[in-house]
Amino acid sequence: MDALQLMRNDMIPTEVDVSTSRRDDVSSVGIIIDSESDEDVEVMDYSSDENEFMSNDDDTMAPGSQQGTNRASRNSSNVNSGNVVPSQTTSATNSHVFDQISSQVVTNPTTTLSNTGGQIKKGRGKAKNVALDQYLAKSNGIKPKVNIPDGKLKPVGAWAAKFTTELGIICRTYAPIRVAQWKKVEQKDKEQIYNLISDKFEIDLSCSRILFAVNKMLSRRFKGYKHELHKYYQTFNSHDEACEKPFNDVSAEDWELCCQEFASAKFKKSSEANTNNRGKVEINHCSGSKSFARYQHELEDDGESVGPIEFWKKTHYTEKGWKTPMAQQLYEEMIEIQSQPSPMTKDEIYKEVMDKKLGYARGRGYGEIGSSSSIAKRIRVEELQEAREKATNAEKRASELAQHVETQK
């Protein structure tokens, strides 16, 4: 029985989209530019509304839904406890196996005590990637193939949404929340999470370009969960009260560290700055929950060749008109340049008008980053930044140790 037939048997799930968008980007000329949701902004700010952090692909997180959230046990030893055992499934290609099967995310209703007074309240349970789990149970070891095209940072194709959903579930279940950002998660913990991803999907994480893209997605999922924790923290009248009531399935020790982070001056300053930036948003898209990368890929699959200028209109204009005056203004500027005798290509016109910043195709989502050389350069830059941070922290610890030794004399 082939993989497609496996999916047809007793599996017609209902799609449940959680449609959100991300923090809009501030351009070098002071214009706030939108993009589809998943740009990785590494700041310790989880105080924004739920639309800021989540993917434009299907995700299962319900921000602020603490009372009904019954997550898998969350403590620092989750990843290192030895409970994460890679499956023995083998990899195979099945890029078109899921074409007619829609996305499904199911949560088991659960009854918990409200944090505000002991009232029984029914809410969301553990998020499940049901369609994926059912497929793997019947696939005889054939894992769904994830396609992240060259020049993209987001998956496209039939399994794109399920892959994004699974990253969210894995990250929220196993990533150590006592650290502030994904980039600060220890490599050994990341490796365990990579193993979990490889257990369920055919994806080449040995490729630096693919791993870079996956880390960007995991970073957004991690930031999203920290945002949910922060929203729960804000429901209490005081810091001390919040510390006494850990988030569901978070250990008391980890929750204490999270609360300390949320109460820090650095975190509050970052939150305030980002709140101010969100007030400057001038452009929003209208592409819904689907990432720009997936949307463009589907247009191409349907035989529709869409350049950057046309794609801008498709994602910012509806039958009711333009989403914002700024979106219309930028489009008209591109059309004006295009109408003139000019050797510039559509891509060049787009980049000029959008004032493309290094490594990020503005207005086309973080899912598009440019050529492989651009990605390689960005990887090297981030590796250098991380190395500098580690060196600085090592020097700081050495200095503190020297001072401690000096005081003991």
Protein backbone atom coordinates (compact mmCIF):
# COMPACT_ATOMS: atom_id res chain seq x y z
CA MET A 1 0.00 0.00 0.00
CA ASP A 2 1.57 3.33 -0.97
CA ALA A 3 1.83 6.40 1.26
CA LEU A 4 -0.98 8.26 -0.47
CA GLN A 5 -3.40 5.40 0.05
CA LEU A 6 -2.41 5.26 3.70
CA MET A 7 -3.46 8.86 4.09
CA ARG A 8 -6.80 8.28 2.39
CA ASN A 9 -7.78 5.50 4.74
CA ASP A 10 -9.83 6.86 7.64
CA MET A 11 -8.08 10.23 7.64
CA ILE A 12 -9.98 13.30 6.59
CA PRO A 13 -9.12 15.78 9.33
CA THR A 14 -10.56 19.23 9.70
CA GLU A 15 -8.20 22.14 9.44
CA VAL A 16 -7.93 24.38 12.46
CA ASP A 17 -5.94 27.52 11.72
CA VAL A 18 -4.59 29.83 14.36
CA SER A 19 -4.00 32.89 12.24
CA THR A 20 -1.63 35.50 13.56
CA SER A 21 1.09 37.84 12.43
CA ARG A 22 4.36 39.06 13.84
CA ARG A 23 5.95 42.30 14.97
CA ASP A 24 6.41 44.56 12.00
CA ASP A 25 9.86 45.62 11.00
CA VAL A 26 11.30 49.10 11.26
CA SER A 27 13.11 50.13 8.11
CA SER A 28 16.25 52.20 7.97
CA VAL A 29 14.20 55.17 6.77
CA GLY A 30 11.71 54.98 9.61
CA ILE A 31 8.89 53.24 7.74
CA ILE A 32 7.26 50.34 9.50
CA ILE A 33 7.12 47.46 7.04
CA ASP A 34 5.12 44.31 7.47
CA SER A 35 6.03 40.76 6.68
CA GLU A 36 4.56 37.37 7.24
CA SER A 37 4.80 36.39 10.76
CA ASP A 38 7.89 34.49 11.65
CA GLU A 39 10.80 36.88 11.52
CA ASP A 40 13.15 36.03 14.34
CA VAL A 41 13.61 39.10 16.49
CA GLU A 42 15.93 38.15 19.31
CA VAL A 43 14.84 40.50 22.08
CA MET A 44 13.63 39.57 25.51
CA ASP A 45 10.16 41.01 25.05
CA TYR A 46 7.17 38.76 25.48
CA SER A 47 4.76 41.46 26.59
CA SER A 48 3.19 42.20 23.22
CA ASP A 49 -0.13 40.88 22.12
CA GLU A 50 -0.45 37.35 20.86
CA ASN A 51 -0.26 38.39 17.23
CA GLU A 52 3.36 39.37 17.59
CA PHE A 53 5.08 36.09 17.99
CA MET A 54 3.27 33.31 16.25
CA SER A 55 3.80 31.80 12.86
CA ASN A 56 1.70 32.53 9.83
CA ASP A 57 1.61 28.78 9.44
CA ASP A 58 -0.62 26.64 11.60
CA ASP A 59 0.42 26.63 15.21
CA THR A 60 -1.25 25.20 18.24
CA MET A 61 -0.47 27.73 20.94
CA ALA A 62 -3.29 29.70 22.50
CA PRO A 63 -1.73 32.78 24.11
CA GLY A 64 -3.05 33.56 27.54
CA SER A 65 -4.88 30.26 27.88
CA GLN A 66 -3.09 29.15 31.04
CA GLN A 67 -6.13 27.95 32.94
CA GLY A 68 -6.83 25.28 30.39
CA THR A 69 -3.31 24.58 29.22
CA ASN A 70 -2.17 21.13 30.23
CA ARG A 71 1.28 20.83 28.73
CA ALA A 72 3.69 17.97 28.97
CA SER A 73 5.89 18.12 32.04
CA ARG A 74 8.27 21.05 31.74
CA ASN A 75 11.47 21.16 33.73
CA SER A 76 15.12 21.57 33.02
CA SER A 77 15.76 17.85 32.82
CA ASN A 78 13.17 17.09 30.13
CA VAL A 79 15.68 16.93 27.34
CA ASN A 80 18.55 15.48 29.31
CA SER A 81 16.63 12.90 31.28
CA GLY A 82 17.11 10.21 28.69
CA ASN A 83 13.39 10.07 27.93
CA VAL A 84 13.88 11.39 24.42
CA VAL A 85 14.47 8.23 22.38
CA PRO A 86 14.75 8.57 18.60
CA SER A 87 12.40 6.32 16.69
CA GLN A 88 13.68 3.65 14.33
CA THR A 89 11.69 4.82 11.33
CA THR A 90 13.47 5.09 8.05
CA SER A 91 13.50 8.04 5.73
CA ALA A 92 11.76 8.10 2.36
CA THR A 93 10.56 10.69 -0.09
CA ASN A 94 6.85 11.38 -0.37
CA SER A 95 6.60 15.02 -1.35
CA HIS A 96 3.03 14.85 -2.69
CA VAL A 97 1.52 12.43 -0.21
CA PHE A 98 -0.51 14.96 1.73
CA ASP A 99 -1.92 17.11 -1.06
CA GLN A 100 -5.59 16.50 -0.30
CA ILE A 101 -5.35 16.13 3.47
CA SER A 102 -5.88 19.32 5.43
CA SER A 103 -4.29 20.35 8.71
CA GLN A 104 -5.65 19.20 12.06
CA VAL A 105 -4.74 20.29 15.53
CA VAL A 106 -6.63 18.79 18.44
CA THR A 107 -6.54 19.71 22.08
CA ASN A 108 -8.01 17.52 24.80
CA PRO A 109 -10.38 19.49 27.02
CA THR A 110 -9.23 19.50 30.60
CA THR A 111 -10.59 20.86 33.85
CA THR A 112 -8.28 22.90 36.07
CA LEU A 113 -8.40 25.36 38.93
CA SER A 114 -8.37 29.01 38.00
CA ASN A 115 -5.36 30.89 39.37
CA THR A 116 -7.61 33.67 40.63
CA GLY A 117 -9.87 31.94 43.08
CA GLY A 118 -10.16 28.19 42.77
CA GLN A 119 -13.05 28.25 40.32
CA ILE A 120 -13.28 25.15 38.15
CA LYS A 121 -12.75 26.13 34.53
CA LYS A 122 -12.66 23.98 31.43
CA GLY A 123 -10.02 24.88 28.87
CA ARG A 124 -7.50 23.63 26.35
CA GLY A 125 -5.50 20.49 26.88
CA LYS A 126 -2.28 19.26 25.32
CA ALA A 127 -1.82 20.22 21.71
CA LYS A 128 -1.59 17.27 19.32
CA ASN A 129 -0.52 17.03 15.71
CA VAL A 130 -3.18 14.40 15.02
CA ALA A 131 -2.90 14.10 11.24
CA LEU A 132 0.87 13.70 11.47
CA ASP A 133 0.65 11.11 14.25
CA GLN A 134 -1.96 9.12 12.34
CA TYR A 135 0.13 9.19 9.19
CA LEU A 136 3.28 8.01 10.98
CA ALA A 137 1.32 5.20 12.65
CA LYS A 138 0.31 3.82 9.23
CA SER A 139 3.27 4.77 7.05
CA ASN A 140 5.51 1.73 7.66
CA GLY A 141 8.47 3.94 8.43
CA ILE A 142 7.94 6.44 5.63
CA LYS A 143 8.38 9.92 7.06
CA PRO A 144 6.91 13.03 5.41
CA LYS A 145 9.47 15.04 3.48
CA VAL A 146 9.92 18.70 4.37
CA ASN A 147 10.93 21.02 1.56
CA ILE A 148 12.70 24.30 2.37
CA PRO A 149 13.75 25.69 -1.02
CA ASP A 150 17.05 27.42 -1.60
CA GLY A 151 16.71 31.09 -0.71
CA LYS A 152 13.82 30.44 1.70
CA LEU A 153 13.61 30.16 5.46
CA LYS A 154 10.16 28.59 5.57
CA PRO A 155 8.95 25.18 4.35
CA VAL A 156 6.61 24.91 1.40
CA GLY A 157 4.43 22.13 0.11
CA ALA A 158 1.91 19.70 1.58
CA TRP A 159 3.64 19.17 4.93
CA ALA A 160 4.68 22.76 5.63
CA ALA A 161 1.92 23.55 8.12
CA LYS A 162 2.27 20.25 9.99
CA PHE A 163 6.02 20.76 10.26
CA THR A 164 5.55 24.21 11.77
CA THR A 165 2.96 22.85 14.19
CA GLU A 166 5.25 20.02 15.31
CA LEU A 167 8.13 22.42 15.93
CA GLY A 168 5.86 24.36 18.25
CA ILE A 169 4.84 21.24 20.18
CA ILE A 170 8.42 19.95 20.47
CA CYS A 171 9.85 23.30 21.46
CA ARG A 172 7.24 24.04 24.10
CA THR A 173 7.56 20.56 25.55
CA TYR A 174 11.33 20.07 25.63
CA ALA A 175 13.17 23.39 25.32
CA PRO A 176 14.58 24.56 28.69
CA ILE A 177 12.57 27.67 29.55
CA ARG A 178 15.00 28.89 32.18
CA VAL A 179 17.01 30.58 29.43
CA ALA A 180 15.80 33.83 27.90
CA GLN A 181 16.25 33.09 24.20
CA TRP A 182 16.59 30.13 21.86
CA LYS A 183 20.13 31.11 20.93
CA LYS A 184 21.11 30.67 24.58
CA VAL A 185 19.88 27.07 24.73
CA GLU A 186 22.85 24.74 25.13
CA GLN A 187 23.92 22.82 22.05
CA LYS A 188 23.38 19.42 23.69
CA ASP A 189 19.76 20.38 24.36
CA LYS A 190 19.32 21.58 20.79
CA GLU A 191 20.71 18.30 19.48
CA GLN A 192 18.05 16.37 21.37
CA ILE A 193 15.37 18.56 19.81
CA TYR A 194 16.88 18.08 16.36
CA ASN A 195 16.64 14.32 16.95
CA LEU A 196 12.94 14.64 17.75
CA ILE A 197 12.39 16.55 14.52
CA SER A 198 14.30 13.97 12.48
CA ASP A 199 12.27 11.20 14.10
CA LYS A 200 9.10 12.48 12.46
CA PHE A 201 10.23 14.17 9.25
CA GLU A 202 12.59 13.53 6.41
CA ILE A 203 14.74 16.65 6.57
CA ASP A 204 18.48 17.15 6.10
CA LEU A 205 19.58 18.93 9.26
CA SER A 206 23.21 18.32 8.32
CA CYS A 207 22.77 21.04 5.67
CA SER A 208 23.72 24.39 7.23
CA ARG A 209 21.09 26.24 5.19
CA ILE A 210 18.30 23.92 6.36
CA LEU A 211 19.49 23.93 9.97
CA PHE A 212 19.66 27.73 9.92
CA ALA A 213 16.03 27.90 8.76
CA VAL A 214 14.86 25.37 11.35
CA ASN A 215 16.63 27.26 14.13
CA LYS A 216 14.85 30.43 13.05
CA MET A 217 11.52 28.66 13.31
CA LEU A 218 12.38 27.12 16.68
CA SER A 219 13.43 30.52 17.94
CA ARG A 220 9.99 31.90 17.11
CA ARG A 221 8.26 28.96 18.76
CA PHE A 222 10.42 29.39 21.87
CA LYS A 223 9.78 33.11 22.00
CA GLY A 224 6.07 32.42 21.59
CA TYR A 225 5.95 30.13 24.59
CA LYS A 226 7.87 32.61 26.72
CA HIS A 227 5.32 35.21 25.67
CA GLU A 228 2.53 32.96 26.92
CA LEU A 229 4.33 32.53 30.24
CA HIS A 230 4.71 36.28 30.54
CA LYS A 231 1.02 36.87 29.89
CA TYR A 232 0.22 34.45 32.69
CA TYR A 233 2.72 36.24 34.96
CA GLN A 234 0.91 39.52 34.27
CA THR A 235 -2.41 38.16 35.57
CA PHE A 236 -1.19 38.38 39.16
CA ASN A 237 -1.28 41.43 41.40
CA SER A 238 2.32 41.11 42.52
CA HIS A 239 5.60 39.44 41.67
CA ASP A 240 5.54 37.37 44.85
CA GLU A 241 2.03 36.11 44.15
CA ALA A 242 3.04 35.08 40.64
CA CYS A 243 6.08 33.20 41.93
CA GLU A 244 3.88 31.14 44.23
CA LYS A 245 1.69 29.82 41.40
CA PRO A 246 3.75 28.22 38.61
CA PHE A 247 2.38 27.89 35.12
CA ASN A 248 0.87 24.46 34.41
CA ASP A 249 3.50 21.72 34.14
CA VAL A 250 6.39 24.11 34.79
CA SER A 251 8.59 23.22 37.74
CA ALA A 252 8.67 25.65 40.66
CA GLU A 253 12.39 26.20 40.11
CA ASP A 254 12.02 27.03 36.43
CA TRP A 255 9.01 29.24 37.09
CA GLU A 256 10.95 31.19 39.71
CA LEU A 257 13.69 31.89 37.16
CA CYS A 258 11.11 32.99 34.59
CA CYS A 259 9.55 35.38 37.07
CA GLN A 260 12.94 36.85 37.88
CA GLU A 261 13.50 37.43 34.18
CA PHE A 262 10.11 39.12 33.74
CA ALA A 263 10.77 41.39 36.72
CA SER A 264 14.25 42.45 35.58
CA ALA A 265 14.98 46.02 34.49
CA LYS A 266 16.45 44.76 31.21
CA PHE A 267 13.29 42.88 30.31
CA LYS A 268 11.02 45.80 31.23
CA LYS A 269 13.10 48.22 29.17
CA SER A 270 12.97 45.93 26.14
CA SER A 271 9.21 45.47 26.56
CA GLU A 272 8.60 49.20 26.66
CA ALA A 273 10.71 49.81 23.55
CA ASN A 274 8.90 47.14 21.58
CA THR A 275 5.50 48.36 22.71
CA ASN A 276 6.40 51.79 21.33
CA ASN A 277 7.56 50.26 18.04
CA ARG A 278 4.30 48.40 17.62
CA GLY A 279 2.48 51.71 17.73
CA LYS A 280 4.30 52.79 14.57
CA VAL A 281 3.01 50.01 12.34
CA GLU A 282 1.99 51.41 8.96
CA ILE A 283 1.60 48.28 6.84
CA ASN A 284 -0.27 45.02 7.37
CA HIS A 285 -0.71 42.16 4.93
CA CYS A 286 -3.87 40.26 4.06
CA SER A 287 -2.51 36.79 3.34
CA GLY A 288 -4.04 35.23 6.43
CA SER A 289 -2.45 32.29 8.23
CA LYS A 290 -0.46 31.02 5.26
CA SER A 291 3.17 32.05 5.06
CA PHE A 292 4.28 34.09 2.07
CA ALA A 293 6.69 31.31 1.09
CA ARG A 294 3.86 28.75 0.99
CA TYR A 295 1.51 31.13 -0.78
CA GLN A 296 4.01 31.90 -3.53
CA HIS A 297 4.89 28.22 -3.89
CA GLU A 298 1.22 27.34 -4.40
CA LEU A 299 0.82 30.07 -7.01
CA GLU A 300 3.79 28.63 -8.88
CA ASP A 301 2.35 25.11 -8.60
CA ASP A 302 -0.84 26.43 -10.20
CA GLY A 303 1.20 27.76 -13.11
CA GLU A 304 0.92 31.41 -12.07
CA SER A 305 4.23 33.24 -12.30
CA VAL A 306 4.11 36.14 -9.86
CA GLY A 307 6.92 38.66 -9.60
CA PRO A 308 7.69 40.64 -6.42
CA ILE A 309 5.60 43.68 -7.41
CA GLU A 310 2.53 41.61 -8.28
CA PHE A 311 3.01 39.51 -5.14
CA TRP A 312 3.05 42.67 -3.04
CA LYS A 313 -0.37 43.58 -4.37
CA LYS A 314 -1.74 40.07 -3.86
CA THR A 315 -0.73 40.15 -0.18
CA HIS A 316 -1.73 43.76 0.59
CA TYR A 317 -4.82 44.43 -1.53
CA THR A 318 -8.33 42.98 -1.24
CA GLU A 319 -11.63 43.63 -2.98
CA LYS A 320 -12.21 46.30 -0.33
CA GLY A 321 -9.03 48.08 -1.31
CA TRP A 322 -5.53 48.44 0.10
CA LYS A 323 -4.89 47.32 3.67
CA THR A 324 -3.10 50.59 4.46
CA PRO A 325 -2.22 53.83 2.61
CA MET A 326 1.48 53.03 2.95
CA ALA A 327 1.05 49.68 1.19
CA GLN A 328 -0.66 51.48 -1.68
CA GLN A 329 2.01 54.18 -1.80
CA LEU A 330 4.85 51.68 -2.07
CA TYR A 331 3.06 49.75 -4.80
CA GLU A 332 2.41 52.89 -6.84
CA GLU A 333 6.07 53.86 -6.53
CA MET A 334 7.10 50.50 -7.96
CA ILE A 335 4.60 50.80 -10.81
CA GLU A 336 5.83 54.30 -11.58
CA ILE A 337 9.45 53.13 -11.88
CA GLN A 338 8.35 50.14 -13.94
CA SER A 339 6.51 52.38 -16.42
CA GLN A 340 9.64 54.37 -17.20
CA PRO A 341 12.32 53.37 -19.72
CA SER A 342 14.68 51.60 -17.36
CA PRO A 343 17.02 48.61 -17.47
CA MET A 344 15.96 47.66 -13.94
CA THR A 345 14.29 44.31 -13.38
CA LYS A 346 11.21 43.88 -11.22
CA ASP A 347 13.35 42.48 -8.43
CA GLU A 348 15.67 45.48 -8.59
CA ILE A 349 12.73 47.87 -8.54
CA TYR A 350 11.24 46.05 -5.58
CA LYS A 351 14.49 46.12 -3.63
CA GLU A 352 15.03 49.80 -4.35
CA VAL A 353 11.57 50.86 -3.22
CA MET A 354 11.54 48.62 -0.17
CA ASP A 355 15.05 49.61 0.84
CA LYS A 356 15.92 45.98 1.37
CA LYS A 357 18.04 45.44 4.43
CA LEU A 358 20.83 42.89 4.59
CA GLY A 359 19.56 39.33 4.20
CA TYR A 360 15.84 40.09 4.47
CA ALA A 361 13.41 40.48 1.57
CA ARG A 362 11.16 43.10 3.07
CA GLY A 363 7.43 42.71 2.61
CA ARG A 364 7.84 39.12 1.42
CA GLY A 365 8.19 37.62 4.86
CA TYR A 366 11.13 36.26 6.79
CA GLY A 367 10.49 33.11 4.79
CA GLU A 368 12.51 34.65 1.99
CA ILE A 369 16.09 35.66 2.63
CA GLY A 370 17.82 35.67 -0.74
CA SER A 371 20.46 33.46 -2.28
CA SER A 372 22.43 30.66 -0.65
CA SER A 373 25.39 33.02 -0.43
CA SER A 374 23.28 35.49 1.56
CA ILE A 375 22.24 32.77 3.97
CA ALA A 376 25.81 31.53 4.32
CA LYS A 377 26.98 35.05 5.07
CA ARG A 378 24.27 35.53 7.66
CA ILE A 379 25.14 32.21 9.28
CA ARG A 380 28.77 33.29 9.58
CA VAL A 381 27.77 36.65 11.05
CA GLU A 382 25.58 35.00 13.68
CA GLU A 383 28.29 32.48 14.53
CA LEU A 384 30.77 35.33 15.04
CA GLN A 385 28.30 37.22 17.22
CA GLU A 386 27.69 34.12 19.31
CA ALA A 387 31.44 33.54 19.68
CA ARG A 388 31.93 37.13 20.82
CA GLU A 389 29.14 36.76 23.37
CA LYS A 390 30.68 33.58 24.75
CA ALA A 391 34.10 35.24 24.97
CA THR A 392 32.64 38.26 26.75
CA ASN A 393 30.77 36.07 29.22
CA ALA A 394 33.89 33.99 29.86
CA GLU A 395 35.90 37.14 30.58
CA LYS A 396 33.17 38.36 32.92
CA ARG A 397 33.11 35.07 34.83
CA ALA A 398 36.91 35.05 35.06
CA SER A 399 36.89 38.59 36.42
CA GLU A 400 34.22 37.73 38.99
CA LEU A 401 36.17 34.65 40.05
CA ALA A 402 39.36 36.66 40.41
CA GLN A 403 37.57 39.22 42.56
CA HIS A 404 36.11 36.44 44.69
CA VAL A 405 39.54 34.87 45.19
CA GLU A 406 40.98 38.26 46.08
CA THR A 407 38.36 38.84 48.77
CA GLN A 408 39.16 35.44 50.32
CA LYS A 409 42.81 36.34 50.91
